[in-house]
Amino acid sequence: MLRLLIGVALALSAALGLAGEAQRVQVTKTMDINAPAADVWNLVKDFSGLHTWHPGIAKDEIVEGKDNEVGAVRLLTAGNGNQLREKLLGYDAAGMNFKYGIIEGGGLPVTNYESIFKVEAVSDGTSKATWTGSFTPIDTGPAPAPAPGAEPMTPAGVFESIYQAGLDNLKKLAETK
């Protein structure tokens, strides 16, 4: 289901065309994890490693620059084969966070997308992971009709779902180590 959602999100703007822009939107998801922050950071610290903890990403490779160095570009491939390129804008291993932006592809009806992922210690044995993204939605006209009984998907809703799926799986991986 998640791969389908990511595939639909990545193909949405290509099918709809561009009509205008809206105000900047921010989406934040957090997850409390019963594992030390250093252990959680170890799972997410590599810019080339999203596929190792996010269930919707089949492949993640550095195609320009060096992993974890500002300016590195990664090519993400979703489970359905859709691709997008993201650039590392900031990396702070000591602070357990990194910042990146979408530079090409994905088919999402957004522009100027930037995201920050961070891990924080809550106590010696617990931590909090926070994934925040901001972007400007592109007005593509009326959204396609959702499946019966489903809510219409907005760009913010797409990112909320993507972030939540990743954080849910990260929690599972970190807490079963």
Protein backbone atom coordinates (compact mmCIF):
# COMPACT_ATOMS: atom_id res chain seq x y z
CA MET A 1 0.00 0.00 0.00
CA LEU A 2 2.82 2.40 0.92
CA ARG A 3 4.61 1.76 -2.37
CA LEU A 4 1.36 2.48 -4.19
CA LEU A 5 0.89 5.71 -2.21
CA ILE A 6 4.44 6.85 -2.95
CA GLY A 7 3.99 5.90 -6.61
CA VAL A 8 0.75 7.86 -6.85
CA ALA A 9 2.39 10.84 -5.16
CA LEU A 10 5.39 10.72 -7.45
CA ALA A 11 3.21 10.57 -10.55
CA LEU A 12 0.50 13.05 -9.47
CA SER A 13 1.85 16.31 -10.84
CA ALA A 14 2.90 14.80 -14.16
CA ALA A 15 -0.69 13.78 -14.78
CA LEU A 16 -2.27 17.05 -13.61
CA GLY A 17 -0.20 19.88 -15.17
CA LEU A 18 0.76 23.16 -13.51
CA ALA A 19 -1.60 26.03 -12.81
CA GLY A 20 -0.12 28.27 -10.07
CA GLU A 21 1.46 28.36 -6.60
CA ALA A 22 0.18 28.54 -3.03
CA GLN A 23 1.71 29.54 0.31
CA ARG A 24 4.56 27.54 1.81
CA VAL A 25 3.47 24.51 3.85
CA GLN A 26 5.33 22.75 6.66
CA VAL A 27 4.77 19.14 7.71
CA THR A 28 6.34 17.63 10.85
CA LYS A 29 6.16 14.09 12.21
CA THR A 30 7.87 12.89 15.37
CA MET A 31 8.37 9.46 16.88
CA ASP A 32 9.39 8.53 20.42
CA ILE A 33 11.74 5.54 20.27
CA ASN A 34 12.76 3.26 23.12
CA ALA A 35 16.40 3.15 22.09
CA PRO A 36 19.40 5.41 22.74
CA ALA A 37 19.72 8.35 20.36
CA ALA A 38 23.15 7.17 19.19
CA ASP A 39 21.66 3.83 18.11
CA VAL A 40 18.81 5.54 16.24
CA TRP A 41 21.23 7.99 14.59
CA ASN A 42 23.38 5.05 13.51
CA LEU A 43 20.38 3.68 11.56
CA VAL A 44 19.64 6.96 9.72
CA LYS A 45 22.95 8.82 9.54
CA ASP A 46 23.94 7.89 5.99
CA PHE A 47 22.41 10.10 3.30
CA SER A 48 22.66 7.06 1.01
CA GLY A 49 20.81 4.82 3.48
CA LEU A 50 17.13 5.78 3.31
CA HIS A 51 16.31 2.45 1.67
CA THR A 52 17.69 0.62 4.73
CA TRP A 53 14.96 1.95 7.03
CA HIS A 54 12.14 3.38 4.89
CA PRO A 55 9.84 0.66 3.50
CA GLY A 56 8.79 2.71 0.45
CA ILE A 57 12.31 3.16 -0.93
CA ALA A 58 13.81 0.29 -2.92
CA LYS A 59 17.16 1.89 -3.75
CA ASP A 60 19.18 4.90 -2.65
CA GLU A 61 22.53 5.76 -4.19
CA ILE A 62 24.92 8.70 -4.20
CA VAL A 63 25.28 9.90 -7.80
CA GLU A 64 27.27 13.10 -7.17
CA GLY A 65 29.72 13.98 -4.40
CA LYS A 66 30.46 11.91 -1.30
CA ASP A 67 28.00 10.41 1.16
CA ASN A 68 27.28 12.67 4.14
CA GLU A 69 29.13 15.63 2.64
CA VAL A 70 27.17 18.79 1.83
CA GLY A 71 26.48 18.89 -1.88
CA ALA A 72 26.10 15.12 -2.29
CA VAL A 73 23.19 14.11 -4.53
CA ARG A 74 21.26 10.91 -4.01
CA LEU A 75 18.99 9.14 -6.46
CA LEU A 76 16.00 7.54 -4.75
CA THR A 77 14.02 4.78 -6.41
CA ALA A 78 10.59 3.99 -4.98
CA GLY A 79 9.24 0.45 -4.93
CA ASN A 80 7.26 1.16 -8.11
CA GLY A 81 10.35 2.41 -9.97
CA ASN A 82 9.66 6.17 -9.78
CA GLN A 83 12.79 8.20 -9.07
CA LEU A 84 13.81 11.52 -7.61
CA ARG A 85 17.07 13.30 -6.88
CA GLU A 86 17.80 15.01 -3.59
CA LYS A 87 20.75 17.16 -2.54
CA LEU A 88 22.33 17.20 0.92
CA LEU A 89 22.17 20.82 2.15
CA GLY A 90 23.50 20.36 5.68
CA TYR A 91 24.96 17.56 7.78
CA ASP A 92 25.78 17.62 11.50
CA ALA A 93 26.84 14.22 12.87
CA ALA A 94 27.46 15.61 16.38
CA GLY A 95 24.01 17.24 16.39
CA MET A 96 22.46 14.12 14.80
CA ASN A 97 20.67 15.92 11.97
CA PHE A 98 20.81 16.57 8.25
CA LYS A 99 19.01 18.79 5.77
CA TYR A 100 18.24 18.03 2.14
CA GLY A 101 16.09 19.24 -0.75
CA ILE A 102 14.45 17.75 -3.82
CA ILE A 103 16.24 18.93 -6.95
CA GLU A 104 14.60 16.85 -9.68
CA GLY A 105 11.90 14.31 -10.41
CA GLY A 106 9.40 12.68 -8.17
CA GLY A 107 6.34 14.07 -9.90
CA LEU A 108 5.09 15.66 -6.69
CA PRO A 109 2.91 18.77 -7.02
CA VAL A 110 5.36 20.85 -4.93
CA THR A 111 8.29 23.17 -5.47
CA ASN A 112 11.12 24.39 -3.20
CA TYR A 113 10.98 21.25 -1.04
CA GLU A 114 13.45 21.13 1.86
CA SER A 115 13.52 18.71 4.77
CA ILE A 116 15.35 18.25 8.06
CA PHE A 117 15.71 14.92 9.82
CA LYS A 118 16.99 14.90 13.40
CA VAL A 119 17.43 12.55 16.32
CA GLU A 120 17.46 13.79 19.92
CA ALA A 121 18.16 12.06 23.22
CA VAL A 122 15.21 12.16 25.60
CA SER A 123 16.95 10.11 28.29
CA ASP A 124 19.79 7.58 28.40
CA GLY A 125 17.64 4.90 26.80
CA THR A 126 15.06 6.82 24.79
CA SER A 127 15.09 9.23 21.89
CA LYS A 128 12.91 11.22 19.55
CA ALA A 129 13.18 11.32 15.77
CA THR A 130 11.69 14.34 13.98
CA TRP A 131 11.16 14.66 10.24
CA THR A 132 10.13 18.11 9.01
CA GLY A 133 9.59 19.20 5.44
CA SER A 134 8.54 22.50 3.94
CA PHE A 135 7.47 23.21 0.39
CA THR A 136 5.25 25.30 -1.81
CA PRO A 137 2.33 23.32 -3.23
CA ILE A 138 1.62 23.75 -6.90
CA ASP A 139 -2.04 24.34 -7.72
CA THR A 140 -2.81 21.63 -10.23
CA GLY A 141 -6.54 22.14 -10.32
CA PRO A 142 -9.06 19.66 -8.97
CA ALA A 143 -7.51 16.58 -7.39
CA PRO A 144 -8.36 13.19 -8.81
CA ALA A 145 -11.31 11.51 -7.12
CA PRO A 146 -10.12 9.39 -4.19
CA ALA A 147 -10.98 5.71 -3.89
CA PRO A 148 -14.39 5.07 -2.29
CA GLY A 149 -14.18 5.76 1.44
CA ALA A 150 -10.73 7.39 1.19
CA GLU A 151 -9.88 11.00 1.93
CA PRO A 152 -8.59 13.19 -0.91
CA MET A 153 -4.77 13.27 -0.87
CA THR A 154 -3.10 16.67 -0.54
CA PRO A 155 0.64 17.26 -0.92
CA ALA A 156 0.86 17.72 2.87
CA GLY A 157 -1.01 14.45 3.36
CA VAL A 158 1.36 12.65 1.01
CA PHE A 159 4.41 13.81 2.99
CA GLU A 160 2.72 13.05 6.32
CA SER A 161 2.13 9.48 5.11
CA ILE A 162 5.68 9.10 3.80
CA TYR A 163 7.21 10.47 7.01
CA GLN A 164 4.95 8.36 9.23
CA ALA A 165 5.74 5.13 7.38
CA GLY A 166 9.46 5.81 7.67
CA LEU A 167 9.31 6.73 11.35
CA ASP A 168 7.13 3.71 12.17
CA ASN A 169 9.66 1.39 10.55
CA LEU A 170 12.62 3.21 12.14
CA LYS A 171 11.03 2.69 15.57
CA LYS A 172 10.53 -0.99 14.82
CA LEU A 173 14.14 -1.43 13.66
CA ALA A 174 15.65 0.53 16.56
CA GLU A 175 13.59 -1.16 19.26
CA THR A 176 14.33 -4.70 18.03
CA LYS A 177 18.12 -4.29 17.99
